[in-house]
Structure formats: structure tokens, C-alpha cells
PDB file of N, CA and C in Angstrom:
ATOM      1  N   MET A   1      21.065   6.559  -1.043  1.00  0.00           N
ATOM      2  CA  MET A   1      19.285   7.093  -1.519  1.00  0.00           C
ATOM      3  C   MET A   1      18.725   6.496   0.450  1.00  0.00           C
ATOM      4  N   ALA A   2      17.600   7.638   0.122  1.00  0.00           N
ATOM      5  CA  ALA A   2      16.471   7.922   0.959  1.00  0.00           C
ATOM      6  C   ALA A   2      15.445   6.507   1.383  1.00  0.00           C
ATOM      7  N   THR A   3      15.102   5.376   2.522  1.00  0.00           N
ATOM      8  CA  THR A   3      14.013   4.345   1.988  1.00  0.00           C
ATOM      9  C   THR A   3      12.572   4.774   1.931  1.00  0.00           C
ATOM     10  N   VAL A   4      11.679   3.957   1.924  1.00  0.00           N
ATOM     11  CA  VAL A   4      10.540   4.764   2.013  1.00  0.00           C
ATOM     12  C   VAL A   4      10.357   4.942   3.430  1.00  0.00           C
ATOM     13  N   GLN A   5      10.981   4.242   4.360  1.00  0.00           N
ATOM     14  CA  GLN A   5      10.570   4.457   5.719  1.00  0.00           C
ATOM     15  C   GLN A   5      10.505   5.767   5.876  1.00  0.00           C
ATOM     16  N   LEU A   6      12.160   6.153   5.600  1.00  0.00           N
ATOM     17  CA  LEU A   6      12.960   7.450   6.059  1.00  0.00           C
ATOM     18  C   LEU A   6      11.754   8.453   5.417  1.00  0.00           C
ATOM     19  N   GLU A   7      11.360   7.976   3.655  1.00  0.00           N
ATOM     20  CA  GLU A   7      10.514   9.229   3.002  1.00  0.00           C
ATOM     21  C   GLU A   7       9.103   9.895   3.564  1.00  0.00           C
ATOM     22  N   LEU A   8       8.718   8.514   4.167  1.00  0.00           N
ATOM     23  CA  LEU A   8       6.922   8.685   5.176  1.00  0.00           C
ATOM     24  C   LEU A   8       7.079   8.807   6.578  1.00  0.00           C
ATOM     25  N   GLY A   9       7.997   8.770   6.763  1.00  0.00           N
ATOM     26  CA  GLY A   9       8.443   9.463   8.228  1.00  0.00           C
ATOM     27  C   GLY A   9       7.968   8.320   9.388  1.00  0.00           C
ATOM     28  N   LEU A  10       8.099   6.698   8.934  1.00  0.00           N
ATOM     29  CA  LEU A  10       7.320   5.904  10.148  1.00  0.00           C
ATOM     30  C   LEU A  10       8.347   5.411  11.337  1.00  0.00           C
ATOM     31  N   THR A  11       7.881   4.826  12.213  1.00  0.00           N
ATOM     32  CA  THR A  11       8.911   4.028  13.047  1.00  0.00           C
ATOM     33  C   THR A  11       9.097   3.245  13.023  1.00  0.00           C
ATOM     34  N   ASP A  12       9.862   2.050  13.044  1.00  0.00           N
ATOM     35  CA  ASP A  12      10.369   0.780  13.185  1.00  0.00           C
ATOM     36  C   ASP A  12       9.263   0.077  13.091  1.00  0.00           C
ATOM     37  N   GLU A  13       8.483  -0.041  13.960  1.00  0.00           N
ATOM     38  CA  GLU A  13       6.676  -0.335  14.408  1.00  0.00           C
ATOM     39  C   GLU A  13       6.051  -0.255  13.256  1.00  0.00           C
ATOM     40  N   GLN A  14       5.816   1.014  12.659  1.00  0.00           N
ATOM     41  CA  GLN A  14       4.793   1.220  12.052  1.00  0.00           C
ATOM     42  C   GLN A  14       5.132   0.482  10.463  1.00  0.00           C
ATOM     43  N   PHE A  15       6.594   1.159  10.354  1.00  0.00           N
ATOM     44  CA  PHE A  15       6.787   0.592   8.999  1.00  0.00           C
ATOM     45  C   PHE A  15       6.573  -1.525   9.165  1.00  0.00           C
ATOM     46  N   GLU A  16       6.700  -1.982   9.608  1.00  0.00           N
ATOM     47  CA  GLU A  16       7.057  -3.229   9.695  1.00  0.00           C
ATOM     48  C   GLU A  16       5.614  -3.356   9.911  1.00  0.00           C
ATOM     49  N   LYS A  17       4.369  -3.134  10.040  1.00  0.00           N
ATOM     50  CA  LYS A  17       2.842  -3.013   9.816  1.00  0.00           C
ATOM     51  C   LYS A  17       2.926  -2.757   8.903  1.00  0.00           C
ATOM     52  N   LEU A  18       2.969  -1.929   7.824  1.00  0.00           N
ATOM     53  CA  LEU A  18       2.719  -1.644   6.516  1.00  0.00           C
ATOM     54  C   LEU A  18       3.415  -2.670   5.886  1.00  0.00           C
ATOM     55  N   ARG A  19       4.399  -3.242   6.227  1.00  0.00           N
ATOM     56  CA  ARG A  19       5.158  -4.039   5.156  1.00  0.00           C
ATOM     57  C   ARG A  19       4.127  -5.703   5.285  1.00  0.00           C
ATOM     58  N   LEU A  20       3.622  -6.005   6.750  1.00  0.00           N
ATOM     59  CA  LEU A  20       2.896  -7.240   6.833  1.00  0.00           C
ATOM     60  C   LEU A  20       1.494  -6.511   5.933  1.00  0.00           C
ATOM     61  N   PHE A  21       0.552  -5.761   6.026  1.00  0.00           N
ATOM     62  CA  PHE A  21      -0.256  -4.961   5.214  1.00  0.00           C
ATOM     63  C   PHE A  21      -0.374  -5.480   3.501  1.00  0.00           C
ATOM     64  N   ASN A  22       0.566  -4.774   3.366  1.00  0.00           N
ATOM     65  CA  ASN A  22       1.230  -5.129   2.525  1.00  0.00           C
ATOM     66  C   ASN A  22       1.189  -6.476   1.346  1.00  0.00           C
ATOM     67  N   ARG A  23       2.077  -7.568   2.794  1.00  0.00           N
ATOM     68  CA  ARG A  23       2.497  -8.873   2.573  1.00  0.00           C
ATOM     69  C   ARG A  23       0.535  -9.849   2.450  1.00  0.00           C
ATOM     70  N   ILE A  24      -0.420  -9.283   2.959  1.00  0.00           N
ATOM     71  CA  ILE A  24      -1.580  -9.479   2.875  1.00  0.00           C
ATOM     72  C   ILE A  24      -2.308  -9.545   2.218  1.00  0.00           C
ATOM     73  N   LEU A  25      -2.614  -7.890   1.332  1.00  0.00           N
ATOM     74  CA  LEU A  25      -2.945  -7.409   0.405  1.00  0.00           C
ATOM     75  C   LEU A  25      -2.760  -8.701  -0.908  1.00  0.00           C
ATOM     76  N   ILE A  26      -0.979  -8.433  -0.958  1.00  0.00           N
ATOM     77  CA  ILE A  26      -0.290  -9.266  -2.156  1.00  0.00           C
ATOM     78  C   ILE A  26      -0.913 -10.734  -1.830  1.00  0.00           C
ATOM     79  N   SER A  27      -1.268 -11.486  -1.292  1.00  0.00           N
ATOM     80  CA  SER A  27      -1.941 -12.650  -0.641  1.00  0.00           C
ATOM     81  C   SER A  27      -3.455 -12.574  -1.383  1.00  0.00           C
ATOM     82  N   CYS A  28      -4.039 -11.962  -0.787  1.00  0.00           N
ATOM     83  CA  CYS A  28      -5.459 -11.512  -0.853  1.00  0.00           C
ATOM     84  C   CYS A  28      -5.862 -11.484  -2.603  1.00  0.00           C
ATOM     85  N   ASN A  29      -4.960 -10.447  -3.375  1.00  0.00           N
ATOM     86  CA  ASN A  29      -4.976 -10.472  -4.528  1.00  0.00           C
ATOM     87  C   ASN A  29      -4.573 -11.544  -5.049  1.00  0.00           C
ATOM     88  N   ASP A  30      -3.771 -12.330  -5.426  1.00  0.00           N
ATOM     89  CA  ASP A  30      -2.911 -14.035  -5.535  1.00  0.00           C
ATOM     90  C   ASP A  30      -3.831 -14.863  -5.374  1.00  0.00           C
ATOM     91  N   PHE A  31      -4.728 -14.906  -3.721  1.00  0.00           N
ATOM     92  CA  PHE A  31      -6.232 -15.703  -4.184  1.00  0.00           C
ATOM     93  C   PHE A  31      -6.912 -15.146  -5.044  1.00  0.00           C
ATOM     94  N   LYS A  32      -7.654 -14.064  -5.132  1.00  0.00           N
ATOM     95  CA  LYS A  32      -8.610 -13.772  -5.923  1.00  0.00           C
ATOM     96  C   LYS A  32      -8.620 -14.093  -7.230  1.00  0.00           C
ATOM     97  N   GLN A  33      -7.488 -14.019  -8.383  1.00  0.00           N
ATOM     98  CA  GLN A  33      -6.688 -14.491  -9.110  1.00  0.00           C
ATOM     99  C   GLN A  33      -6.999 -15.719  -9.625  1.00  0.00           C
ATOM    100  N   ALA A  34      -6.561 -16.431  -8.325  1.00  0.00           N
ATOM    101  CA  ALA A  34      -6.519 -18.310  -8.490  1.00  0.00           C
ATOM    102  C   ALA A  34      -7.771 -18.524  -8.647  1.00  0.00           C
ATOM    103  N   HIS A  35      -8.783 -18.212  -7.517  1.00  0.00           N
ATOM    104  CA  HIS A  35     -10.090 -18.166  -7.519  1.00  0.00           C
ATOM    105  C   HIS A  35     -10.969 -17.758  -9.037  1.00  0.00           C
ATOM    106  N   GLU A  36     -10.666 -16.840  -9.467  1.00  0.00           N
ATOM    107  CA  GLU A  36     -11.001 -16.650 -10.899  1.00  0.00           C
ATOM    108  C   GLU A  36     -10.784 -17.659 -11.875  1.00  0.00           C
ATOM    109  N   ILE A  37      -9.473 -17.808 -12.000  1.00  0.00           N
ATOM    110  CA  ILE A  37      -9.281 -18.689 -12.906  1.00  0.00           C
ATOM    111  C   ILE A  37      -9.743 -20.313 -13.071  1.00  0.00           C
ATOM    112  N   ALA A  38      -9.859 -20.687 -11.769  1.00  0.00           N
ATOM    113  CA  ALA A  38     -10.554 -21.913 -11.115  1.00  0.00           C
ATOM    114  C   ALA A  38     -12.087 -21.466 -11.430  1.00  0.00           C
ATOM    115  N   SER A  39     -12.399 -20.914 -11.649  1.00  0.00           N
ATOM    116  CA  SER A  39     -13.907 -20.932 -11.603  1.00  0.00           C
ATOM    117  C   SER A  39     -14.188 -20.555 -13.242  1.00  0.00           C
ATOM    118  N   LEU A  40     -13.121 -20.051 -13.841  1.00  0.00           N
ATOM    119  CA  LEU A  40     -13.417 -20.256 -15.527  1.00  0.00           C
ATOM    120  C   LEU A  40     -13.578 -21.739 -15.844  1.00  0.00           C
ATOM    121  N   LEU A  41     -12.622 -22.049 -15.187  1.00  0.00           N
ATOM    122  CA  LEU A  41     -12.222 -24.086 -15.741  1.00  0.00           C
ATOM    123  C   LEU A  41     -13.560 -24.493 -15.044  1.00  0.00           C
ATOM    124  N   VAL A  42     -14.077 -24.489 -14.263  1.00  0.00           N
ATOM    125  CA  VAL A  42     -14.955 -25.300 -13.059  1.00  0.00           C
ATOM    126  C   VAL A  42     -16.372 -24.981 -13.962  1.00  0.00           C
ATOM    127  N   ASP A  43     -16.367 -23.834 -14.464  1.00  0.00           N
ATOM    128  CA  ASP A  43     -17.590 -23.567 -15.096  1.00  0.00           C
ATOM    129  C   ASP A  43     -17.805 -23.988 -16.682  1.00  0.00           C
ATOM    130  N   GLY A  44     -16.471 -24.353 -17.092  1.00  0.00           N
ATOM    131  CA  GLY A  44     -16.786 -24.921 -18.449  1.00  0.00           C
ATOM    132  C   GLY A  44     -16.341 -23.717 -19.442  1.00  0.00           C
ATOM    133  N   ASN A  45     -16.132 -22.682 -19.124  1.00  0.00           N
ATOM    134  CA  ASN A  45     -15.357 -21.646 -20.197  1.00  0.00           C
ATOM    135  C   ASN A  45     -14.186 -21.714 -19.596  1.00  0.00           C
ATOM    136  N   HIS A  46     -13.476 -22.762 -20.967  1.00  0.00           N
ATOM    137  CA  HIS A  46     -11.916 -23.213 -21.019  1.00  0.00           C
ATOM    138  C   HIS A  46     -11.684 -22.152 -21.894  1.00  0.00           C
ATOM    139  N   LEU A  47     -11.507 -20.965 -21.081  1.00  0.00           N
ATOM    140  CA  LEU A  47     -11.097 -20.360 -22.137  1.00  0.00           C
ATOM    141  C   LEU A  47      -9.317 -20.248 -22.400  1.00  0.00           C
ATOM    142  N   LEU A  48      -8.717 -21.033 -21.158  1.00  0.00           N
ATOM    143  CA  LEU A  48      -7.336 -21.125 -21.469  1.00  0.00           C
ATOM    144  C   LEU A  48      -7.234 -22.009 -22.504  1.00  0.00           C
ATOM    145  N   LEU A  49      -7.594 -22.877 -22.841  1.00  0.00           N
ATOM    146  CA  LEU A  49      -7.763 -24.071 -23.868  1.00  0.00           C
ATOM    147  C   LEU A  49      -7.145 -23.332 -25.668  1.00  0.00           C
ATOM    148  N   PHE A  50      -7.447 -22.083 -25.413  1.00  0.00           N
ATOM    149  CA  PHE A  50      -7.492 -21.394 -26.610  1.00  0.00           C
ATOM    150  C   PHE A  50      -6.627 -20.167 -27.020  1.00  0.00           C
ATOM    151  N   LEU A  51      -6.085 -20.289 -25.383  1.00  0.00           N
ATOM    152  CA  LEU A  51      -5.061 -19.219 -25.967  1.00  0.00           C
ATOM    153  C   LEU A  51      -3.306 -20.263 -26.860  1.00  0.00           C
ATOM    154  N   PRO A  52      -3.157 -18.916 -27.641  1.00  0.00           N
ATOM    155  CA  PRO A  52      -1.681 -20.210 -28.593  1.00  0.00           C
ATOM    156  C   PRO A  52      -0.581 -20.444 -28.038  1.00  0.00           C
ATOM    157  N   ARG A  53      -0.127 -21.464 -28.756  1.00  0.00           N
ATOM    158  CA  ARG A  53       0.745 -22.253 -27.154  1.00  0.00           C
ATOM    159  C   ARG A  53       1.855 -22.167 -28.349  1.00  0.00           C
ATOM    160  N   ALA A  54       3.127 -21.849 -27.959  1.00  0.00           N
ATOM    161  CA  ALA A  54       4.223 -22.310 -28.101  1.00  0.00           C
ATOM    162  C   ALA A  54       4.645 -23.175 -29.207  1.00  0.00           C
ATOM    163  N   LYS A  55       5.314 -23.373 -30.400  1.00  0.00           N
ATOM    164  CA  LYS A  55       5.290 -24.615 -30.949  1.00  0.00           C
ATOM    165  C   LYS A  55       6.825 -24.599 -30.819  1.00  0.00           C
ATOM    166  N   VAL A  56       6.592 -26.238 -30.135  1.00  0.00           N
ATOM    167  CA  VAL A  56       8.237 -26.668 -29.805  1.00  0.00           C
ATOM    168  C   VAL A  56       8.468 -27.562 -31.092  1.00  0.00           C
ATOM    169  N   GLU A  57       9.543 -27.416 -31.331  1.00  0.00           N
ATOM    170  CA  GLU A  57      10.685 -27.898 -32.610  1.00  0.00           C
ATOM    171  C   GLU A  57      10.623 -29.393 -32.411  1.00  0.00           C
ATOM    172  N   THR A  58      11.100 -29.716 -33.098  1.00  0.00           N
ATOM    173  CA  THR A  58      11.486 -31.146 -33.047  1.00  0.00           C
ATOM    174  C   THR A  58      12.401 -31.581 -33.850  1.00  0.00           C
ATOM    175  N   ALA A  59      12.831 -33.268 -33.804  1.00  0.00           N
ATOM    176  CA  ALA A  59      13.659 -33.416 -35.202  1.00  0.00           C
ATOM    177  C   ALA A  59      13.295 -33.570 -36.248  1.00  0.00           C
ATOM    178  N   ASP A  60      12.341 -33.560 -36.702  1.00  0.00           N
ATOM    179  CA  ASP A  60      11.372 -34.066 -38.224  1.00  0.00           C
ATOM    180  C   ASP A  60      10.973 -32.570 -38.228  1.00  0.00           C
ATOM    181  N   ASP A  61      11.325 -31.558 -37.513  1.00  0.00           N
ATOM    182  CA  ASP A  61      11.083 -30.374 -38.551  1.00  0.00           C
ATOM    183  C   ASP A  61      12.439 -29.547 -38.823  1.00  0.00           C
ATOM    184  N   ALA A  62      12.852 -29.784 -38.540  1.00  0.00           N
ATOM    185  CA  ALA A  62      14.809 -29.586 -39.356  1.00  0.00           C
ATOM    186  C   ALA A  62      15.017 -30.506 -40.221  1.00  0.00           C
TER     187      ALA A  62
END
């Protein structure tokens, strides 16, 4: 099976730079999502509180 590096025709140095760029991009996206969630909570739009919760079965339910 051919690797991405071979398919793109990248040198080892170019491929490592691409991997680093991808890790940074993923980290930025994670930070952006965390910031958006925090902003919703801080602004008082507690949308997460209205999400359905899984029912936990207790001994009384059995």
C-alpha cells in the first residue's frame, strides 16, 4: 500500500512539515470549539443543560 508521502511525492522534510502543520491546524480547531462552548456558557446561553440525558437505571427501577 502506498503511503500519503509517496502519493504526494514529498521528501521526508516536506512530509514532517506537513504533519506539523496538520497537528497545529487540529489544535487550533479544538481551541476554537472549546472557546465557542465556553462563550455559550459564560453568556448565559446554557444550551448544554437542555440536551437529553441518558437515564441511569437504579435498583428502584428494576
